Amino acid sequence: MITLVMLIVCFSLLGGVLKFAVKLTWTLAKFLIGLVFLPLIIVAILLGGVFIMAVPFLLIAGIIAALAALSKKGA
């Protein structure tokens, strides 16, 4: 009986750890994309001389940043 209880506890801990690992991985991926890769791509587009393509990306990023700031401020 105690083996069954310990097995249930182990599986619940494993589930919690897996949930935490997925959440941490997703947060890290968003951080890397938002702060590292996206600015590098935009700078590469600007340096490549395709300014017409970079402007919409910058506008979209600005709008998203403004909406994110407003939603955090209101919450």
Protein backbone atom coordinates (compact mmCIF):
# COMPACT_ATOMS: atom_id res chain seq x y z
CA MET A 1 0.00 0.00 0.00
CA ILE A 2 2.77 2.41 0.89
CA THR A 3 4.43 1.58 -2.43
CA LEU A 4 1.31 2.73 -4.26
CA VAL A 5 1.22 6.00 -2.29
CA MET A 6 4.91 6.64 -2.96
CA LEU A 7 4.39 5.88 -6.65
CA ILE A 8 1.56 8.42 -6.83
CA VAL A 9 3.70 11.04 -5.05
CA CYS A 10 6.64 10.38 -7.41
CA PHE A 11 4.45 10.76 -10.49
CA SER A 12 2.91 13.97 -9.16
CA LEU A 13 6.38 15.40 -8.50
CA LEU A 14 7.52 14.33 -11.95
CA GLY A 15 4.51 16.08 -13.47
CA GLY A 16 5.27 19.27 -11.57
CA VAL A 17 8.91 19.21 -12.62
CA LEU A 18 7.97 18.59 -16.26
CA LYS A 19 5.46 21.45 -16.17
CA PHE A 20 8.12 23.75 -14.72
CA ALA A 21 10.68 22.64 -17.34
CA VAL A 22 8.29 23.34 -20.23
CA LYS A 23 7.37 26.74 -18.79
CA LEU A 24 11.03 27.65 -18.28
CA THR A 25 11.96 26.53 -21.79
CA TRP A 26 9.15 28.55 -23.35
CA THR A 27 10.10 31.64 -21.35
CA LEU A 28 13.75 31.29 -22.35
CA ALA A 29 12.80 30.85 -26.02
CA LYS A 30 10.64 34.00 -25.95
CA PHE A 31 13.47 35.92 -24.28
CA LEU A 32 16.03 34.83 -26.85
CA ILE A 33 13.76 35.54 -29.80
CA GLY A 34 12.62 38.90 -28.49
CA LEU A 35 15.91 40.30 -27.25
CA VAL A 36 18.54 38.61 -29.39
CA PHE A 37 17.33 37.25 -32.70
CA LEU A 38 14.66 39.78 -33.69
CA PRO A 39 16.92 42.85 -33.34
CA LEU A 40 19.71 41.04 -35.18
CA ILE A 41 17.38 40.21 -38.05
CA ILE A 42 16.11 43.81 -38.22
CA VAL A 43 19.67 45.21 -38.17
CA ALA A 44 20.71 42.74 -40.88
CA ILE A 45 17.77 43.84 -43.02
CA LEU A 46 18.72 47.50 -42.52
CA LEU A 47 22.37 46.85 -43.32
CA GLY A 48 21.39 44.81 -46.35
CA GLY A 49 19.75 47.87 -47.83
CA VAL A 50 16.22 46.52 -47.76
CA PHE A 51 14.91 49.40 -45.68
CA ILE A 52 11.42 49.10 -47.18
CA MET A 53 11.10 45.62 -45.65
CA ALA A 54 12.47 46.66 -42.25
CA VAL A 55 10.02 49.50 -41.63
CA PRO A 56 6.89 47.30 -41.34
CA PHE A 57 8.74 44.98 -38.94
CA LEU A 58 9.73 47.94 -36.79
CA LEU A 59 6.18 49.31 -36.80
CA ILE A 60 4.68 45.95 -35.86
CA ALA A 61 7.26 45.46 -33.09
CA GLY A 62 6.53 48.96 -31.78
CA ILE A 63 2.78 48.37 -31.73
CA ILE A 64 3.19 45.03 -29.97
CA ALA A 65 5.53 46.56 -27.40
CA ALA A 66 3.12 49.41 -26.74
CA LEU A 67 0.16 47.06 -26.33
CA ALA A 68 2.17 44.82 -24.01
CA ALA A 69 3.18 47.80 -21.88
CA LEU A 70 -0.39 49.06 -21.71
CA SER A 71 -1.79 45.65 -20.80
CA LYS A 72 0.75 45.24 -17.98
CA LYS A 73 0.08 48.75 -16.71
CA GLY A 74 -3.68 48.16 -16.60
CA ALA A 75 -3.45 44.75 -14.95
